[in-house]
Amino acid sequence: MSKISADELGFAPIKTQRAFEVICEQIRARLASGLLKSGDKLPAERELAAEFQVSRSALREALRSLEVAGIIRNVKGVKGGAFIQSAEPDRIVQAMQDYVHLGNVSLDELTEARLAIQDIIIRLVCERATEADFIELEAVAERTRRETTVDARYECAVQYYAVLARATKNRMFGIFVDSLSAILHEFVRGPDYETLQKSLIESRFRLIGYLRKRDAEAAASEMRRHLERVHRHVRKNLKAAAKPNQETTEATRGSRKAR
């Protein structure tokens, strides 16, 4: 951890009504250039405000915005201050969930992205996975088979995908997979989910067999069939959930017309 002076960071004075946004942009720019790194302590508020030539309230608004975004963390006490935060994948996961919930992404788009990402993951796992990765995958699949509740089996499924992502040796895939698992969680439940889970367990064991043989084509095909079954189930549930709402809306319209 290092403490950097405002002079070293070379912040420019700000002359705009949206001062806090420009402050955020300049601090992000120093992160991108490498002048600021995880663990670094920002200069004191008084020093920063003088460097930016803004009020303390404008500076505090910027620091609050950066804290909400996960860029800094504010620590209280004698040794406190504003510190550059380490990367937190959970924030990316939450941002993606919010994006979907706001209606900007359809289920079909989500499905297409998941199929494409998992195809890449499977092919990389065939190239890069170690024996330890295969053993961990088998352990998760075995635990899934032993579990008796829907919730426990779902948690095993999340773990299974997470182990596959780690086996690529590329941490970005872990973030993508965690995000998609969290988003799809609310869609997969349904009256026939338990039956679906049982068929998927066998598919996971077949997939591990193909991965061990480094057979990328067979493994990718198995994963695609596996995910397509899940997504057919999801669409069926969404359609069933939408039907009562549609009937209620039509009944309301009919009642209004009768008046």
Protein backbone atom coordinates (compact mmCIF):
# COMPACT_ATOMS: atom_id res chain seq x y z
CA MET A 1 0.00 0.00 0.00
CA SER A 2 1.33 3.46 -0.82
CA LYS A 3 0.14 6.99 -0.14
CA ILE A 4 0.33 9.26 -3.17
CA SER A 5 0.28 13.04 -3.09
CA ALA A 6 -2.17 15.03 -5.19
CA ASP A 7 0.76 16.66 -7.03
CA GLU A 8 2.07 13.25 -8.14
CA LEU A 9 -1.33 12.32 -9.55
CA GLY A 10 -1.52 15.53 -11.60
CA PHE A 11 -5.25 16.21 -11.19
CA ALA A 12 -6.56 19.15 -13.20
CA PRO A 13 -8.72 21.96 -11.72
CA ILE A 14 -12.43 21.54 -12.42
CA LYS A 15 -14.71 24.26 -13.75
CA THR A 16 -18.14 22.72 -14.24
CA GLN A 17 -21.41 22.36 -12.35
CA ARG A 18 -21.07 18.54 -12.50
CA ALA A 19 -17.75 18.65 -10.68
CA PHE A 20 -18.17 15.31 -8.92
CA GLU A 21 -18.49 13.47 -12.28
CA VAL A 22 -15.25 14.99 -13.58
CA ILE A 23 -13.48 14.07 -10.33
CA CYS A 24 -14.64 10.47 -10.78
CA GLU A 25 -13.44 10.48 -14.40
CA GLN A 26 -9.98 11.76 -13.43
CA ILE A 27 -9.55 9.19 -10.65
CA ARG A 28 -10.65 6.40 -13.02
CA ALA A 29 -8.16 7.68 -15.60
CA ARG A 30 -5.34 7.41 -13.02
CA LEU A 31 -6.44 3.83 -12.35
CA ALA A 32 -6.37 3.02 -16.06
CA SER A 33 -2.89 4.50 -16.45
CA GLY A 34 -1.54 2.61 -13.44
CA LEU A 35 -0.78 5.71 -11.35
CA LEU A 36 -3.32 4.40 -8.84
CA LYS A 37 -3.44 0.72 -7.86
CA SER A 38 -5.39 -1.50 -5.51
CA GLY A 39 -4.53 -0.64 -1.89
CA ASP A 40 -3.28 2.90 -2.61
CA LYS A 41 -4.51 5.62 -0.27
CA LEU A 42 -5.87 8.78 -1.87
CA PRO A 43 -4.64 12.15 -0.57
CA ALA A 44 -6.60 13.76 2.27
CA GLU A 45 -9.88 15.51 1.42
CA ARG A 46 -8.44 18.98 2.01
CA GLU A 47 -5.50 18.30 -0.33
CA LEU A 48 -7.73 16.78 -3.03
CA ALA A 49 -10.26 19.64 -2.85
CA ALA A 50 -7.45 22.18 -3.25
CA GLU A 51 -5.94 20.28 -6.20
CA PHE A 52 -9.28 19.97 -8.00
CA GLN A 53 -10.27 23.50 -6.91
CA VAL A 54 -13.70 22.32 -5.79
CA SER A 55 -15.68 22.48 -2.57
CA ARG A 56 -15.33 19.71 0.02
CA SER A 57 -19.00 18.82 -0.56
CA ALA A 58 -18.40 18.24 -4.29
CA LEU A 59 -15.38 16.11 -3.48
CA ARG A 60 -17.31 14.05 -0.93
CA GLU A 61 -20.08 13.48 -3.49
CA ALA A 62 -17.46 12.11 -5.90
CA LEU A 63 -15.93 9.86 -3.23
CA ARG A 64 -19.38 8.51 -2.30
CA SER A 65 -20.06 7.78 -5.98
CA LEU A 66 -16.74 5.93 -6.30
CA GLU A 67 -17.45 3.96 -3.15
CA VAL A 68 -20.86 2.85 -4.44
CA ALA A 69 -19.19 1.82 -7.70
CA GLY A 70 -16.70 -0.31 -5.75
CA ILE A 71 -13.67 1.77 -6.81
CA ILE A 72 -12.72 2.96 -3.32
CA ARG A 73 -13.48 2.06 0.27
CA ASN A 74 -13.64 4.68 3.03
CA VAL A 75 -11.96 3.67 6.28
CA LYS A 76 -12.62 5.59 9.51
CA GLY A 77 -10.11 6.24 12.30
CA VAL A 78 -6.63 7.66 12.70
CA LYS A 79 -5.22 5.52 9.90
CA GLY A 80 -8.36 5.86 7.82
CA GLY A 81 -9.04 7.55 4.53
CA ALA A 82 -10.09 6.65 1.00
CA PHE A 83 -8.35 3.52 -0.35
CA ILE A 84 -8.44 2.07 -3.84
CA GLN A 85 -10.48 -1.11 -3.63
CA SER A 86 -9.42 -4.50 -4.96
CA ALA A 87 -11.54 -5.95 -7.78
CA GLU A 88 -14.75 -7.61 -6.55
CA PRO A 89 -16.46 -9.92 -9.07
CA ASP A 90 -19.67 -9.82 -7.01
CA ARG A 91 -20.21 -6.22 -8.09
CA ILE A 92 -20.06 -7.23 -11.76
CA VAL A 93 -22.52 -10.06 -11.07
CA GLN A 94 -24.92 -7.61 -9.38
CA ALA A 95 -24.58 -5.10 -12.22
CA MET A 96 -25.46 -7.77 -14.79
CA GLN A 97 -28.46 -8.90 -12.71
CA ASP A 98 -29.70 -5.31 -12.49
CA TYR A 99 -29.27 -4.90 -16.25
CA VAL A 100 -31.46 -7.95 -16.92
CA HIS A 101 -34.07 -6.97 -14.32
CA LEU A 102 -34.40 -3.54 -15.91
CA GLY A 103 -35.63 -5.30 -19.03
CA ASN A 104 -32.66 -4.54 -21.24
CA VAL A 105 -31.84 -8.22 -21.92
CA SER A 106 -34.28 -10.90 -23.04
CA LEU A 107 -34.18 -14.53 -21.98
CA ASP A 108 -33.33 -15.53 -25.56
CA GLU A 109 -30.31 -13.23 -25.54
CA LEU A 110 -29.26 -14.66 -22.19
CA THR A 111 -29.63 -18.21 -23.52
CA GLU A 112 -27.62 -17.47 -26.64
CA ALA A 113 -24.81 -15.89 -24.59
CA ARG A 114 -24.73 -18.81 -22.17
CA LEU A 115 -24.50 -21.38 -24.97
CA ALA A 116 -21.68 -19.48 -26.64
CA ILE A 117 -19.72 -18.91 -23.42
CA GLN A 118 -20.05 -22.51 -22.27
CA ASP A 119 -18.90 -23.76 -25.68
CA ILE A 120 -15.69 -21.73 -25.33
CA ILE A 121 -15.25 -22.87 -21.73
CA ILE A 122 -15.60 -26.55 -22.61
CA ARG A 123 -13.02 -26.31 -25.40
CA LEU A 124 -10.55 -24.52 -23.12
CA VAL A 125 -11.12 -27.07 -20.35
CA CYS A 126 -10.24 -29.84 -22.81
CA GLU A 127 -6.92 -28.10 -23.46
CA ARG A 128 -6.03 -26.85 -19.98
CA ALA A 129 -7.75 -28.88 -17.25
CA THR A 130 -5.59 -30.84 -14.81
CA GLU A 131 -6.32 -34.14 -13.11
CA ALA A 132 -7.19 -32.15 -9.96
CA ASP A 133 -9.89 -30.29 -11.94
CA PHE A 134 -11.43 -33.56 -13.16
CA ILE A 135 -11.41 -35.00 -9.63
CA GLU A 136 -13.18 -31.88 -8.32
CA LEU A 137 -15.80 -32.07 -11.11
CA GLU A 138 -16.46 -35.74 -10.30
CA ALA A 139 -16.78 -34.95 -6.59
CA VAL A 140 -19.40 -32.26 -7.29
CA ALA A 141 -21.32 -34.57 -9.66
CA GLU A 142 -21.28 -37.37 -7.05
CA ARG A 143 -22.50 -34.99 -4.36
CA THR A 144 -25.33 -33.88 -6.67
CA ARG A 145 -26.39 -37.51 -7.04
CA ARG A 146 -26.47 -37.98 -3.24
CA GLU A 147 -28.42 -34.81 -2.50
CA THR A 148 -32.18 -35.21 -2.15
CA THR A 149 -33.49 -31.64 -2.13
CA VAL A 150 -33.98 -29.37 -5.14
CA ASP A 151 -32.12 -26.48 -3.47
CA ALA A 152 -29.07 -28.59 -2.59
CA ARG A 153 -28.89 -29.98 -6.12
CA TYR A 154 -29.14 -26.51 -7.58
CA GLU A 155 -26.21 -25.35 -5.42
CA CYS A 156 -24.22 -28.33 -6.71
CA ALA A 157 -25.04 -27.27 -10.28
CA VAL A 158 -23.71 -23.76 -9.58
CA GLN A 159 -20.53 -25.31 -8.14
CA TYR A 160 -20.14 -27.58 -11.16
CA TYR A 161 -20.21 -24.65 -13.60
CA ALA A 162 -17.83 -22.69 -11.35
CA VAL A 163 -15.29 -25.56 -11.34
CA LEU A 164 -15.52 -25.79 -15.14
CA ALA A 165 -14.85 -22.05 -15.42
CA ARG A 166 -11.83 -22.27 -13.08
CA ALA A 167 -10.44 -25.15 -15.15
CA THR A 168 -10.04 -22.74 -18.11
CA LYS A 169 -7.37 -20.91 -16.06
CA ASN A 170 -9.00 -17.63 -17.11
CA ARG A 171 -10.71 -15.79 -14.23
CA MET A 172 -12.98 -13.77 -16.54
CA PHE A 173 -14.97 -16.89 -17.37
CA GLY A 174 -15.67 -17.34 -13.66
CA ILE A 175 -17.24 -13.89 -13.54
CA PHE A 176 -19.41 -14.57 -16.61
CA VAL A 177 -20.54 -17.96 -15.29
CA ASP A 178 -21.35 -16.64 -11.79
CA SER A 179 -23.37 -13.80 -13.34
CA LEU A 180 -25.40 -16.09 -15.60
CA SER A 181 -26.01 -18.63 -12.80
CA ALA A 182 -27.29 -15.89 -10.50
CA ILE A 183 -29.58 -14.46 -13.17
CA LEU A 184 -31.00 -17.81 -14.31
CA HIS A 185 -31.60 -19.00 -10.74
CA GLU A 186 -34.97 -17.26 -10.55
CA PHE A 187 -36.11 -18.77 -13.86
CA VAL A 188 -35.25 -22.45 -13.45
CA ARG A 189 -37.62 -23.39 -10.63
CA GLY A 190 -40.80 -25.15 -11.62
CA PRO A 191 -43.03 -28.16 -10.94
CA ASP A 192 -40.90 -30.54 -13.05
CA TYR A 193 -37.48 -29.21 -12.05
CA GLU A 194 -36.68 -32.25 -9.90
CA THR A 195 -37.23 -34.60 -12.86
CA LEU A 196 -35.06 -32.36 -15.03
CA GLN A 197 -32.27 -32.40 -12.44
CA LYS A 198 -32.08 -36.21 -12.47
CA SER A 199 -31.51 -36.30 -16.24
CA LEU A 200 -28.91 -33.53 -15.99
CA ILE A 201 -26.87 -35.44 -13.39
CA GLU A 202 -26.14 -38.24 -15.88
CA SER A 203 -25.25 -35.63 -18.50
CA ARG A 204 -22.63 -34.15 -16.16
CA PHE A 205 -20.93 -37.52 -15.73
CA ARG A 206 -20.90 -38.05 -19.51
CA LEU A 207 -19.38 -34.60 -19.94
CA ILE A 208 -16.57 -35.39 -17.49
CA GLY A 209 -15.81 -38.55 -19.48
CA TYR A 210 -15.45 -36.56 -22.72
CA LEU A 211 -13.32 -33.94 -20.97
CA ARG A 212 -10.96 -36.60 -19.63
CA LYS A 213 -10.53 -37.92 -23.17
CA ARG A 214 -9.87 -34.33 -24.35
CA ASP A 215 -12.66 -34.82 -26.89
CA ALA A 216 -13.67 -31.19 -27.40
CA GLU A 217 -16.38 -31.84 -30.03
CA ALA A 218 -18.18 -34.51 -28.00
CA ALA A 219 -17.88 -32.48 -24.80
CA ALA A 220 -19.20 -29.30 -26.46
CA SER A 221 -22.15 -31.23 -27.97
CA GLU A 222 -22.99 -32.76 -24.58
CA MET A 223 -22.94 -29.35 -22.90
CA ARG A 224 -25.09 -27.84 -25.65
CA ARG A 225 -27.75 -30.60 -25.30
CA HIS A 226 -27.58 -30.20 -21.52
CA LEU A 227 -28.16 -26.44 -21.65
CA GLU A 228 -30.86 -26.67 -24.30
CA ARG A 229 -32.85 -28.98 -21.99
CA VAL A 230 -32.51 -26.44 -19.18
CA HIS A 231 -33.58 -23.56 -21.41
CA ARG A 232 -36.63 -25.44 -22.76
CA HIS A 233 -37.63 -25.97 -19.13
CA VAL A 234 -37.16 -22.26 -18.38
CA ARG A 235 -39.26 -21.16 -21.36
CA LYS A 236 -42.01 -23.59 -20.36
CA ASN A 237 -42.08 -22.14 -16.83
CA LEU A 238 -42.15 -18.56 -18.05
CA LYS A 239 -44.98 -19.35 -20.45
CA ALA A 240 -46.97 -21.02 -17.66
CA ALA A 241 -46.36 -18.07 -15.32
CA ALA A 242 -47.42 -15.56 -17.97
CA LYS A 243 -50.74 -17.30 -18.76
CA PRO A 244 -52.58 -16.45 -15.48
CA ASN A 245 -51.44 -12.82 -15.79
CA GLN A 246 -52.72 -12.67 -19.36
CA GLU A 247 -56.07 -14.16 -18.33
CA THR A 248 -56.38 -11.64 -15.47
CA THR A 249 -55.65 -8.74 -17.85
CA GLU A 250 -58.24 -9.98 -20.37
CA ALA A 251 -60.84 -10.44 -17.62
CA THR A 252 -60.22 -6.87 -16.40
CA ARG A 253 -60.65 -5.51 -19.91
CA GLY A 254 -63.89 -7.48 -20.34
CA SER A 255 -65.21 -6.11 -17.06
CA ARG A 256 -64.48 -2.54 -18.15
CA LYS A 257 -66.25 -3.05 -21.46
CA ALA A 258 -69.32 -4.45 -19.67
CA ARG A 259 -69.60 -1.21 -17.74
